Every structure is written in C-alpha cells, then in structure tokens.
C-alpha cells in the first residue's frame, strides 16, 4: 500500500496511511511526511506497532529526543519515554484521578530554555469511548488579532517555571526534576517558527509565573482572557484516537488539551517522546 496523506480537521491535522515506520524510509518519503507536519501542524501516522525501542527510532526520524520532567512517569529502561496511563494516574485529595494534559490548553515544557519542537504520542490502549485530544492552531489565533494587538502582544514575554508559583500545582515534582529544571526562563508570547517563518501565540498557562511588566495575578487574568478569546471551534481539531496511532504535534504552532470524559480505570495508555527544539524568538 502506497503512502497517502489526507487532511483531518479544517484548521489543522493530517493523517498518513500505508507506511510502516519500523522499515527504512527513503529521503523523499520522510521529507513528504515532515512537510505535511509543518503545513498541517499535527500529523497522525496510522497503524503502527512499536516496541519502545522502535518507537524511539521512529521519533528520531523527526528530531532528537530530549528528557522530560515529571520523571516519575518514565518508562523503566527508557528514560526518554514517558508513560501516560490513566490507570496509574496521580490521585487528588478527593480521590479523583489527575489525568495529565487535561487541566488546560498548553504547549509542552515551556520551562525549558529550548523547549521541544515536537511532541510525539503513541496509542497503546484506549477506553471504549472518550479520551480524545484536541489541538488548536495558534497561527490562526494570532492571525485573528488586529494589527495593533499583534504589535502589542509581540512586545510581551512570559516567565516560565516548572512549578507555577502563581497557581496551584496538582502534580508532585520529584526533587531530581526540581534540581535539573529549577531556573525560570523567558519566552516571547508571539513566536516565529524557525522553519517556515509563521507567527503563533505561544504560552503554557500553568507554567507561566507572570508576564514581564505584570504581576502574577494580572498575568493569570491576561492568559485566561486570551485563552477564552483565542480558542474558537473553527481553529480546533479534536483527535479521536485509534490503536497504533503515532501523532506528532508541532509545539511551535499549536496548543493541545486532553479530555477527561472517560473512566480512567478502563485504561488509556499513551507513550510520549518530546523532540529538541531551539530557543523561541
């Protein structure tokens, strides 16, 4: 079966079929996949069957894996793969499960000086219903601003930390993570994509300590208002997972959010790898 790539949502997303990433790819095929990812922001490669080592090898076709924080979720023997398991989720004081990625729209690991360019997810087990992940095209969110707002937002910078001291952290952080990733870092609220020059809104609400020139409280209010305005149905693609999906998300142009509309005990299991990026500008 030959490789085919077709759009998914109207605003972003594409699905590739007819390819096995455990096999050797020629340069033209890999370039076609990467171009679809850059153009459509989210690329789903259907029907994969990986061991952890094969998943790592497949992710490396698109970039260099980097270590993730929240190391309590590392796959034993594979420190570059984190396990997103609903059955093993942390529990809140009321006994409810904290399902990673469901708390807010975000882009991954903005507390790093050079945050990941891509997040790569692989679906190993899914609940009978629910458990989707939504993605928002933040290029379109930026384009929806008027020229005055675009200039004003381009001057703003977010201060990011592993733990958001302006809010409440719901996931415990290991001491090793806190020691390795303790520094606050600044990023532009509007970032320019290093590979195609497009501009997009870029932030992580729960890792934003503040915006420069604002108090933490003012910053949180600003981010909340920006999210309410930016996340419109027409810029969102909601992905309904299939077993064997390998999904790549361009963190430089999208926010994403997992949905908690399922019983965590039924079991939703994804493996996650993040790929090194550069310093946002």
Protein backbone atom coordinates (compact mmCIF):
# COMPACT_ATOMS: atom_id res chain seq x y z
CA UNK A 1 0.00 0.00 0.00
CA UNK A 2 1.41 3.36 -1.04
CA UNK A 3 1.74 6.27 1.34
CA UNK A 4 -1.28 8.57 1.35
CA UNK A 5 -1.70 11.81 3.31
CA UNK A 6 -5.11 13.44 3.76
CA UNK A 7 -6.34 16.43 5.79
CA UNK A 8 -8.18 15.82 9.05
CA UNK A 9 -9.68 18.97 10.61
CA UNK A 10 -10.30 22.06 8.52
CA UNK A 11 -7.85 24.20 10.53
CA UNK A 12 -5.07 21.68 11.11
CA UNK A 13 -4.30 17.98 11.13
CA UNK A 14 -3.37 15.37 8.55
CA UNK A 15 -3.41 11.56 8.53
CA UNK A 16 -0.77 9.41 6.84
CA UNK A 17 -1.53 5.79 5.96
CA UNK A 18 0.20 3.00 4.10
CA UNK A 19 3.55 3.29 5.84
CA UNK A 20 5.42 1.24 8.44
CA UNK A 21 7.89 3.31 10.43
CA UNK A 22 9.78 0.22 11.58
CA UNK A 23 11.00 -0.12 8.00
CA UNK A 24 13.65 2.01 6.31
CA UNK A 25 12.26 5.16 4.74
CA UNK A 26 13.78 6.87 1.73
CA UNK A 27 14.58 10.57 1.97
CA UNK A 28 11.70 11.62 -0.29
CA UNK A 29 9.11 9.83 1.85
CA UNK A 30 10.47 11.29 5.07
CA UNK A 31 10.52 14.76 3.54
CA UNK A 32 6.90 14.34 2.44
CA UNK A 33 5.86 13.40 5.98
CA UNK A 34 7.78 16.28 7.54
CA UNK A 35 6.37 18.77 5.06
CA UNK A 36 2.83 17.61 5.90
CA UNK A 37 3.62 18.09 9.59
CA UNK A 38 4.91 21.63 9.09
CA UNK A 39 1.96 22.56 6.88
CA UNK A 40 -0.78 20.92 8.96
CA UNK A 41 0.81 21.26 12.47
CA UNK A 42 -0.49 17.84 13.58
CA UNK A 43 0.38 14.63 11.70
CA UNK A 44 -1.13 11.26 12.60
CA UNK A 45 0.64 8.20 11.20
CA UNK A 46 -1.85 5.35 11.37
CA UNK A 47 -1.46 1.67 12.08
CA UNK A 48 1.94 1.49 13.78
CA UNK A 49 3.09 -1.38 16.01
CA UNK A 50 6.14 -0.47 18.09
CA UNK A 51 8.26 -1.85 20.84
CA UNK A 52 9.62 1.00 23.00
CA UNK A 53 12.92 0.84 21.11
CA UNK A 54 11.10 1.02 17.78
CA UNK A 55 9.03 3.98 18.99
CA UNK A 56 12.22 5.82 19.90
CA UNK A 57 13.71 5.03 16.50
CA UNK A 58 10.56 6.25 14.73
CA UNK A 59 10.56 9.50 16.71
CA UNK A 60 14.22 10.07 15.84
CA UNK A 61 13.24 10.27 12.18
CA UNK A 62 11.81 13.70 13.02
CA UNK A 63 14.34 15.02 15.54
CA UNK A 64 16.41 14.33 18.64
CA UNK A 65 14.56 13.13 21.76
CA UNK A 66 15.08 15.10 24.98
CA UNK A 67 14.48 14.25 28.62
CA UNK A 68 11.06 15.07 30.04
CA UNK A 69 10.32 16.32 33.52
CA UNK A 70 7.91 14.55 35.87
CA UNK A 71 10.35 11.65 35.78
CA UNK A 72 8.00 9.52 37.89
CA UNK A 73 6.31 8.74 34.58
CA UNK A 74 9.43 7.45 32.80
CA UNK A 75 9.12 4.04 31.16
CA UNK A 76 11.52 1.71 33.00
CA UNK A 77 14.61 1.21 30.89
CA UNK A 78 13.68 4.07 28.54
CA UNK A 79 14.25 7.42 30.25
CA UNK A 80 13.30 9.34 27.08
CA UNK A 81 9.78 7.85 27.00
CA UNK A 82 7.11 8.96 29.46
CA UNK A 83 4.06 6.83 30.15
CA UNK A 84 0.63 8.50 30.17
CA UNK A 85 -1.54 5.90 31.88
CA UNK A 86 -5.00 6.70 33.22
CA UNK A 87 -4.96 3.65 35.49
CA UNK A 88 -1.74 4.77 37.17
CA UNK A 89 -2.67 8.44 37.40
CA UNK A 90 -1.87 10.51 40.48
CA UNK A 91 -4.83 11.00 42.83
CA UNK A 92 -6.08 14.29 44.22
CA UNK A 93 -7.06 14.61 47.90
CA UNK A 94 -10.70 13.87 46.97
CA UNK A 95 -9.64 10.60 45.32
CA UNK A 96 -10.24 11.72 41.74
CA UNK A 97 -7.62 10.93 39.12
CA UNK A 98 -5.33 13.67 37.83
CA UNK A 99 -5.11 12.90 34.11
CA UNK A 100 -2.06 14.50 32.55
CA UNK A 101 -2.73 17.19 30.00
CA UNK A 102 -6.40 17.70 30.88
CA UNK A 103 -6.08 20.71 33.17
CA UNK A 104 -5.77 23.40 30.48
CA UNK A 105 -4.78 24.22 26.92
CA UNK A 106 -0.99 24.26 26.77
CA UNK A 107 2.16 23.57 24.80
CA UNK A 108 4.75 21.27 26.33
CA UNK A 109 7.76 22.10 28.54
CA UNK A 110 7.85 25.88 28.19
CA UNK A 111 10.00 25.94 31.34
CA UNK A 112 12.98 24.93 29.19
CA UNK A 113 15.27 27.48 27.57
CA UNK A 114 15.00 25.43 24.36
CA UNK A 115 11.55 23.79 24.61
CA UNK A 116 10.63 20.81 22.43
CA UNK A 117 9.74 21.43 18.83
CA UNK A 118 7.54 18.34 18.64
CA UNK A 119 5.56 16.13 20.98
CA UNK A 120 5.20 12.55 19.74
CA UNK A 121 2.45 10.31 21.12
CA UNK A 122 1.77 6.61 20.50
CA UNK A 123 -1.56 4.96 21.40
CA UNK A 124 -1.27 1.52 23.03
CA UNK A 125 -4.63 1.20 24.85
CA UNK A 126 -7.82 3.23 24.68
CA UNK A 127 -11.08 3.46 26.63
CA UNK A 128 -14.28 2.26 24.92
CA UNK A 129 -15.38 5.88 24.48
CA UNK A 130 -13.82 9.28 25.09
CA UNK A 131 -10.20 10.11 25.82
CA UNK A 132 -9.75 12.35 22.77
CA UNK A 133 -7.07 15.04 22.49
CA UNK A 134 -7.81 18.45 20.97
CA UNK A 135 -5.35 20.70 19.16
CA UNK A 136 -5.68 24.43 18.41
CA UNK A 137 -3.97 26.25 15.55
CA UNK A 138 -2.24 29.16 17.23
CA UNK A 139 -1.16 30.63 13.90
CA UNK A 140 -4.82 31.28 13.18
CA UNK A 141 -5.29 32.59 16.72
CA UNK A 142 -2.51 35.11 16.08
CA UNK A 143 -3.87 36.00 12.64
CA UNK A 144 -7.26 36.79 14.22
CA UNK A 145 -5.70 39.65 16.21
CA UNK A 146 -5.84 43.11 14.69
CA UNK A 147 -2.59 44.84 13.76
CA UNK A 148 -2.47 46.91 16.94
CA UNK A 149 -2.90 43.82 19.11
CA UNK A 150 -0.28 41.91 17.14
CA UNK A 151 2.25 44.67 17.80
CA UNK A 152 1.35 44.88 21.47
CA UNK A 153 1.49 41.11 22.02
CA UNK A 154 4.79 40.84 20.16
CA UNK A 155 6.35 43.00 22.88
CA UNK A 156 5.22 40.69 25.70
CA UNK A 157 7.26 37.89 27.22
CA UNK A 158 6.23 35.08 29.54
CA UNK A 159 8.32 33.98 32.52
CA UNK A 160 8.08 30.19 32.81
CA UNK A 161 8.90 27.74 35.58
CA UNK A 162 8.50 24.02 36.24
CA UNK A 163 6.11 24.90 39.06
CA UNK A 164 3.77 27.82 38.62
CA UNK A 165 4.11 29.80 41.80
CA UNK A 166 1.15 31.96 40.79
CA UNK A 167 -1.24 29.00 40.95
CA UNK A 168 -1.69 25.57 42.44
CA UNK A 169 0.35 22.65 41.18
CA UNK A 170 -1.63 19.42 41.04
CA UNK A 171 1.20 17.01 40.20
CA UNK A 172 4.09 16.33 42.58
CA UNK A 173 7.53 17.05 41.18
CA UNK A 174 10.45 14.84 42.05
CA UNK A 175 13.44 16.50 43.68
CA UNK A 176 15.62 15.46 40.73
CA UNK A 177 13.31 17.30 38.31
CA UNK A 178 13.23 20.39 40.52
CA UNK A 179 17.03 20.43 40.69
CA UNK A 180 17.53 19.93 36.96
CA UNK A 181 14.83 22.30 35.75
CA UNK A 182 14.65 24.91 38.50
CA UNK A 183 15.52 28.03 36.51
CA UNK A 184 12.90 30.46 35.28
CA UNK A 185 13.08 31.19 31.54
CA UNK A 186 11.54 33.87 29.36
CA UNK A 187 9.86 33.31 26.02
CA UNK A 188 8.04 35.62 23.61
CA UNK A 189 4.27 35.47 23.74
CA UNK A 190 4.36 35.57 19.93
CA UNK A 191 6.96 33.23 18.50
CA UNK A 192 8.26 32.95 14.95
CA UNK A 193 8.51 29.46 13.53
CA UNK A 194 12.18 28.79 12.71
CA UNK A 195 11.38 26.61 9.68
CA UNK A 196 8.63 28.49 7.86
CA UNK A 197 8.59 31.98 9.40
CA UNK A 198 4.94 31.90 10.50
CA UNK A 199 3.92 33.57 13.77
CA UNK A 200 1.84 31.99 16.52
CA UNK A 201 0.72 32.67 20.07
CA UNK A 202 2.90 30.64 22.44
CA UNK A 203 2.32 30.01 26.15
CA UNK A 204 1.59 27.45 28.85
CA UNK A 205 -0.90 28.76 31.45
CA UNK A 206 0.25 26.61 34.36
CA UNK A 207 3.93 27.21 33.71
CA UNK A 208 3.59 30.96 33.25
CA UNK A 209 4.66 32.57 36.51
CA UNK A 210 3.99 36.01 35.09
CA UNK A 211 4.31 38.17 32.02
CA UNK A 212 7.06 40.76 32.11
CA UNK A 213 5.67 44.05 33.35
CA UNK A 214 2.67 42.40 35.05
CA UNK A 215 2.05 40.96 38.48
CA UNK A 216 1.35 37.21 38.70
CA UNK A 217 -2.35 37.89 39.27
CA UNK A 218 -2.54 40.28 36.32
CA UNK A 219 -0.70 37.74 34.21
CA UNK A 220 -3.09 34.91 35.02
CA UNK A 221 -6.06 37.13 34.25
CA UNK A 222 -4.48 38.14 30.94
CA UNK A 223 -3.78 34.50 29.96
CA UNK A 224 -7.30 33.38 30.89
CA UNK A 225 -8.86 36.15 28.82
CA UNK A 226 -6.54 35.39 25.92
CA UNK A 227 -7.48 31.69 26.00
CA UNK A 228 -11.19 32.44 26.05
CA UNK A 229 -10.79 34.63 23.03
CA UNK A 230 -8.27 32.56 21.09
CA UNK A 231 -9.69 29.05 21.37
CA UNK A 232 -12.56 29.09 18.91
CA UNK A 233 -14.17 25.95 17.41
CA UNK A 234 -13.00 26.87 13.92
CA UNK A 235 -9.31 26.63 14.88
CA UNK A 236 -9.59 23.33 16.79
CA UNK A 237 -9.15 19.72 15.67
CA UNK A 238 -10.34 17.02 18.09
CA UNK A 239 -8.46 13.78 17.56
CA UNK A 240 -10.28 10.51 18.18
CA UNK A 241 -7.53 8.03 18.86
CA UNK A 242 -7.11 4.68 17.14
CA UNK A 243 -4.83 1.97 18.43
CA UNK A 244 -1.46 2.26 16.71
CA UNK A 245 -1.74 5.99 16.03
CA UNK A 246 1.58 7.81 16.21
CA UNK A 247 0.76 11.51 16.47
CA UNK A 248 3.24 14.35 16.05
CA UNK A 249 2.30 17.86 17.21
CA UNK A 250 4.30 20.96 16.30
CA UNK A 251 4.53 22.72 19.66
CA UNK A 252 5.70 25.90 17.97
CA UNK A 253 2.29 26.44 16.36
CA UNK A 254 -0.31 24.63 18.48
CA UNK A 255 -1.82 24.29 21.91
CA UNK A 256 -3.34 20.98 22.93
CA UNK A 257 -5.53 19.56 25.65
CA UNK A 258 -6.53 16.02 26.57
CA UNK A 259 -10.15 15.29 27.51
CA UNK A 260 -11.10 13.55 30.74
CA UNK A 261 -14.51 12.37 29.53
CA UNK A 262 -13.93 8.69 30.34
CA UNK A 263 -13.50 6.31 33.26
CA UNK A 264 -9.72 6.26 33.96
CA UNK A 265 -9.97 2.68 35.24
CA UNK A 266 -10.92 1.50 31.75
CA UNK A 267 -7.36 2.27 30.72
CA UNK A 268 -5.98 4.89 28.35
CA UNK A 269 -2.29 4.33 27.68
CA UNK A 270 -0.05 6.53 25.55
CA UNK A 271 3.71 6.73 25.31
CA UNK A 272 5.21 10.19 24.84
CA UNK A 273 8.52 11.44 23.47
CA UNK A 274 9.47 15.09 23.04
CA UNK A 275 11.99 16.27 20.45
CA UNK A 276 14.55 19.01 20.98
CA UNK A 277 13.76 22.46 19.70
CA UNK A 278 15.54 25.79 19.68
CA UNK A 279 15.13 28.97 21.69
CA UNK A 280 11.89 30.75 20.74
CA UNK A 281 12.20 34.14 19.08
